[in-house]
Protein backbone atom coordinates (compact mmCIF):
# COMPACT_ATOMS: atom_id res chain seq x y z
CA UNK A 1 -35.38 70.84 -11.24
CA UNK A 2 -38.74 70.82 -9.43
CA UNK A 3 -38.20 74.37 -8.21
CA UNK A 4 -37.55 75.59 -11.76
CA UNK A 5 -40.51 73.64 -13.17
CA UNK A 6 -42.78 75.09 -10.47
CA UNK A 7 -41.57 78.63 -11.18
CA UNK A 8 -42.08 78.16 -14.93
CA UNK A 9 -45.62 76.84 -14.43
CA UNK A 10 -46.40 79.77 -12.13
CA UNK A 11 -45.09 82.27 -14.69
CA UNK A 12 -47.22 80.67 -17.41
CA UNK A 13 -50.29 80.89 -15.17
CA UNK A 14 -49.55 84.55 -14.45
CA UNK A 15 -49.40 85.12 -18.21
CA UNK A 16 -52.89 83.62 -18.57
CA UNK A 17 -51.76 80.26 -19.91
CA UNK A 18 -53.27 76.99 -18.73
CA UNK A 19 -50.78 74.37 -17.59
CA UNK A 20 -52.35 70.93 -18.05
CA UNK A 21 -49.55 68.82 -16.59
CA UNK A 22 -46.61 69.40 -14.29
CA UNK A 23 -44.55 66.29 -13.61
CA UNK A 24 -42.06 66.31 -10.76
CA UNK A 25 -39.55 63.52 -10.17
CA UNK A 26 -38.87 62.98 -6.46
CA UNK A 27 -38.15 66.62 -5.66
CA UNK A 28 -38.90 68.74 -2.62
CA UNK A 29 -41.37 71.61 -2.76
CA UNK A 30 -39.66 73.48 0.05
CA UNK A 31 -36.06 72.83 1.00
CA UNK A 32 -34.94 72.67 4.63
CA UNK A 33 -32.46 75.27 5.86
CA UNK A 34 -28.80 74.59 5.26
CA UNK A 35 -26.97 73.19 8.26
CA UNK A 36 -25.36 75.92 10.32
CA UNK A 37 -22.04 77.20 9.16
CA UNK A 38 -20.61 79.07 6.24
CA UNK A 39 -20.25 78.25 2.56
CA UNK A 40 -17.15 76.13 3.15
CA UNK A 41 -19.00 74.07 5.76
CA UNK A 42 -21.91 73.51 3.38
CA UNK A 43 -19.53 72.54 0.59
CA UNK A 44 -17.67 70.07 2.83
CA UNK A 45 -20.93 68.42 3.91
CA UNK A 46 -22.08 68.21 0.29
CA UNK A 47 -18.84 66.44 -0.64
CA UNK A 48 -19.21 64.03 2.26
CA UNK A 49 -22.69 63.13 1.03
CA UNK A 50 -21.23 62.01 -2.32
CA UNK A 51 -19.78 58.86 -0.75
CA UNK A 52 -22.09 56.04 -1.80
CA UNK A 53 -23.41 53.64 0.84
CA UNK A 54 -21.32 50.52 1.14
CA UNK A 55 -17.98 52.33 0.82
CA UNK A 56 -16.86 52.58 4.47
CA UNK A 57 -13.21 53.26 3.58
CA UNK A 58 -14.11 56.29 1.47
CA UNK A 59 -16.62 57.46 4.07
CA UNK A 60 -13.91 57.23 6.75
CA UNK A 61 -11.41 59.21 4.66
CA UNK A 62 -14.00 61.87 3.91
CA UNK A 63 -15.05 62.05 7.58
CA UNK A 64 -11.44 62.64 8.66
CA UNK A 65 -10.93 65.33 6.03
CA UNK A 66 -14.30 66.88 6.89
CA UNK A 67 -13.27 67.12 10.55
CA UNK A 68 -10.03 68.79 9.46
CA UNK A 69 -11.85 71.25 7.12
CA UNK A 70 -9.75 69.82 4.28
CA UNK A 71 -11.94 70.41 1.23
CA UNK A 72 -9.02 69.91 -1.17
CA UNK A 73 -8.35 66.52 0.43
CA UNK A 74 -12.03 65.60 0.10
CA UNK A 75 -12.02 66.58 -3.57
CA UNK A 76 -8.87 64.53 -4.20
CA UNK A 77 -10.33 61.49 -2.41
CA UNK A 78 -13.51 61.73 -4.49
CA UNK A 79 -11.45 62.04 -7.67
CA UNK A 80 -9.36 59.01 -6.68
CA UNK A 81 -12.58 57.04 -6.08
CA UNK A 82 -13.83 58.01 -9.56
CA UNK A 83 -16.77 60.00 -8.20
CA UNK A 84 -15.47 63.31 -9.56
CA UNK A 85 -13.70 63.76 -12.90
CA UNK A 86 -9.95 63.33 -12.48
CA UNK A 87 -9.13 65.76 -15.25
CA UNK A 88 -10.65 68.78 -13.48
CA UNK A 89 -8.34 71.02 -11.51
CA UNK A 90 -9.00 71.83 -7.87
CA UNK A 91 -9.68 75.44 -8.90
CA UNK A 92 -12.41 74.29 -11.31
CA UNK A 93 -13.93 71.98 -8.70
CA UNK A 94 -13.95 74.86 -6.20
CA UNK A 95 -15.83 77.01 -8.73
CA UNK A 96 -18.40 74.21 -9.15
CA UNK A 97 -18.75 73.99 -5.37
CA UNK A 98 -19.32 77.74 -5.15
CA UNK A 99 -22.04 77.58 -7.80
CA UNK A 100 -23.62 74.59 -6.03
CA UNK A 101 -23.66 76.54 -2.77
CA UNK A 102 -25.23 79.59 -4.43
CA UNK A 103 -27.96 77.37 -5.90
CA UNK A 104 -28.54 75.70 -2.51
CA UNK A 105 -29.00 79.12 -0.89
CA UNK A 106 -31.30 80.32 -3.67
CA UNK A 107 -33.66 77.32 -3.58
CA UNK A 108 -33.98 77.68 0.18
CA UNK A 109 -34.97 81.34 -0.17
CA UNK A 110 -37.52 80.59 -2.87
CA UNK A 111 -41.10 80.31 -1.67
CA UNK A 112 -43.08 78.30 -4.22
CA UNK A 113 -46.49 79.73 -5.03
CA UNK A 114 -49.67 77.71 -5.09
CA UNK A 115 -50.39 76.36 -8.55
CA UNK A 116 -53.66 75.76 -10.37
CA UNK A 117 -51.89 73.26 -12.63
CA UNK A 118 -52.42 69.59 -11.84
CA UNK A 119 -49.23 68.21 -10.35
CA UNK A 120 -47.99 64.66 -10.70
CA UNK A 121 -45.26 63.62 -8.30
CA UNK A 122 -43.19 60.55 -9.13
CA UNK A 123 -41.66 59.59 -5.82
CA UNK A 124 -39.20 57.06 -4.43
CA UNK A 125 -40.95 54.90 -1.86
CA UNK A 126 -37.72 53.45 -0.41
CA UNK A 127 -36.77 56.75 1.23
CA UNK A 128 -37.52 57.43 4.91
CA UNK A 129 -39.47 60.70 4.90
CA UNK A 130 -41.65 62.63 7.31
CA UNK A 131 -43.77 63.87 4.39
CA UNK A 132 -44.17 61.27 1.62
CA UNK A 133 -45.48 63.91 -0.80
CA UNK A 134 -42.46 66.16 -0.16
CA UNK A 135 -44.45 69.32 0.61
CA UNK A 136 -46.33 69.45 -2.71
CA UNK A 137 -49.70 69.14 -0.95
CA UNK A 138 -49.25 72.77 0.14
CA UNK A 139 -48.56 73.90 -3.42
CA UNK A 140 -51.22 72.09 -5.45
CA UNK A 141 -54.47 74.09 -5.52
CA UNK A 142 -56.24 71.72 -7.87
CA UNK A 143 -54.92 68.15 -7.91
CA UNK A 144 -51.87 66.27 -6.79
CA UNK A 145 -51.42 62.80 -8.19
CA UNK A 146 -48.67 60.70 -6.62
CA UNK A 147 -47.02 57.75 -8.32
CA UNK A 148 -44.71 55.73 -6.06
CA UNK A 149 -41.79 53.62 -7.20
CA UNK A 150 -40.00 51.00 -5.10
CA UNK A 151 -36.62 52.66 -5.38
CA UNK A 152 -34.46 55.37 -3.80
CA UNK A 153 -34.07 59.00 -4.79
CA UNK A 154 -30.69 58.29 -6.40
CA UNK A 155 -31.94 55.24 -8.31
CA UNK A 156 -35.30 56.49 -9.59
CA UNK A 157 -33.74 57.59 -12.90
CA UNK A 158 -31.28 54.70 -13.18
CA UNK A 159 -31.91 51.96 -15.77
CA UNK A 160 -33.60 49.57 -13.33
CA UNK A 161 -36.34 52.13 -12.58
CA UNK A 162 -36.21 54.39 -15.62
CA UNK A 163 -38.40 52.23 -17.87
CA UNK A 164 -41.25 52.15 -15.35
CA UNK A 165 -40.84 55.87 -14.66
CA UNK A 166 -40.85 56.71 -18.38
CA UNK A 167 -43.93 54.57 -18.92
CA UNK A 168 -45.81 56.30 -16.09
CA UNK A 169 -44.86 59.75 -17.40
CA UNK A 170 -45.94 58.75 -20.92
CA UNK A 171 -49.33 57.53 -19.68
CA UNK A 172 -49.84 60.69 -17.62
CA UNK A 173 -48.93 62.93 -20.56
CA UNK A 174 -51.43 61.06 -22.76
CA UNK A 175 -54.14 61.45 -20.12
CA UNK A 176 -53.41 65.16 -19.77
CA UNK A 177 -53.50 65.63 -23.54
CA UNK A 178 -56.77 63.70 -23.85
CA UNK A 179 -58.35 65.72 -21.04
CA UNK A 180 -57.25 68.95 -22.72
CA UNK A 181 -58.56 68.01 -26.17
CA UNK A 182 -61.90 66.59 -25.06
CA UNK A 183 -64.20 68.60 -22.79
CA UNK A 184 -66.13 65.38 -22.07
CA UNK A 185 -63.04 63.37 -21.08
CA UNK A 186 -63.04 62.12 -17.51
CA UNK A 187 -61.08 64.29 -15.13
CA UNK A 188 -57.45 63.52 -14.47
CA UNK A 189 -58.32 63.01 -10.81
CA UNK A 190 -60.88 60.33 -11.67
CA UNK A 191 -58.45 58.54 -13.98
CA UNK A 192 -55.64 58.63 -11.42
CA UNK A 193 -57.77 56.60 -8.98
CA UNK A 194 -58.35 53.79 -11.46
């Protein structure tokens, strides 16, 4: 989502439009290369990553099937665990995996441009990261505001965190609108430090 939002903002700027707010929810600016291997290897690793923490039995089954290059077995195990829809055929799930792989390759080839738009990054503080601002410092030409939430990437949009996230986005949208409508309004940067 962040990659698409960044590309849309860049296209608007190229068309002479001013983008007053770009909100990004815990997304990378630049994606790391895919692990070595082919599409099937990437797909198998993506399926393995679907096992939620705290499910060692499922993780063990997926690890065995990953080692055996048994993607169909991984899909079936994930369906049995209720993590993939049971009513989808293996052929349909394979098509979804192929699309997912094509998207993964595309976002890794995309080089995000620098943006004049002010960026606001809503990030999950509970993640262990080398770069807490996820690479967006290289993209933001003007301002980068960071709002941290005590949650994980997976949980930032879940009900326990969603209300706080929605409130922060609402406040930031109001500030951006006020700054746009009033030439004497304090800058977004100044308000974000308050």
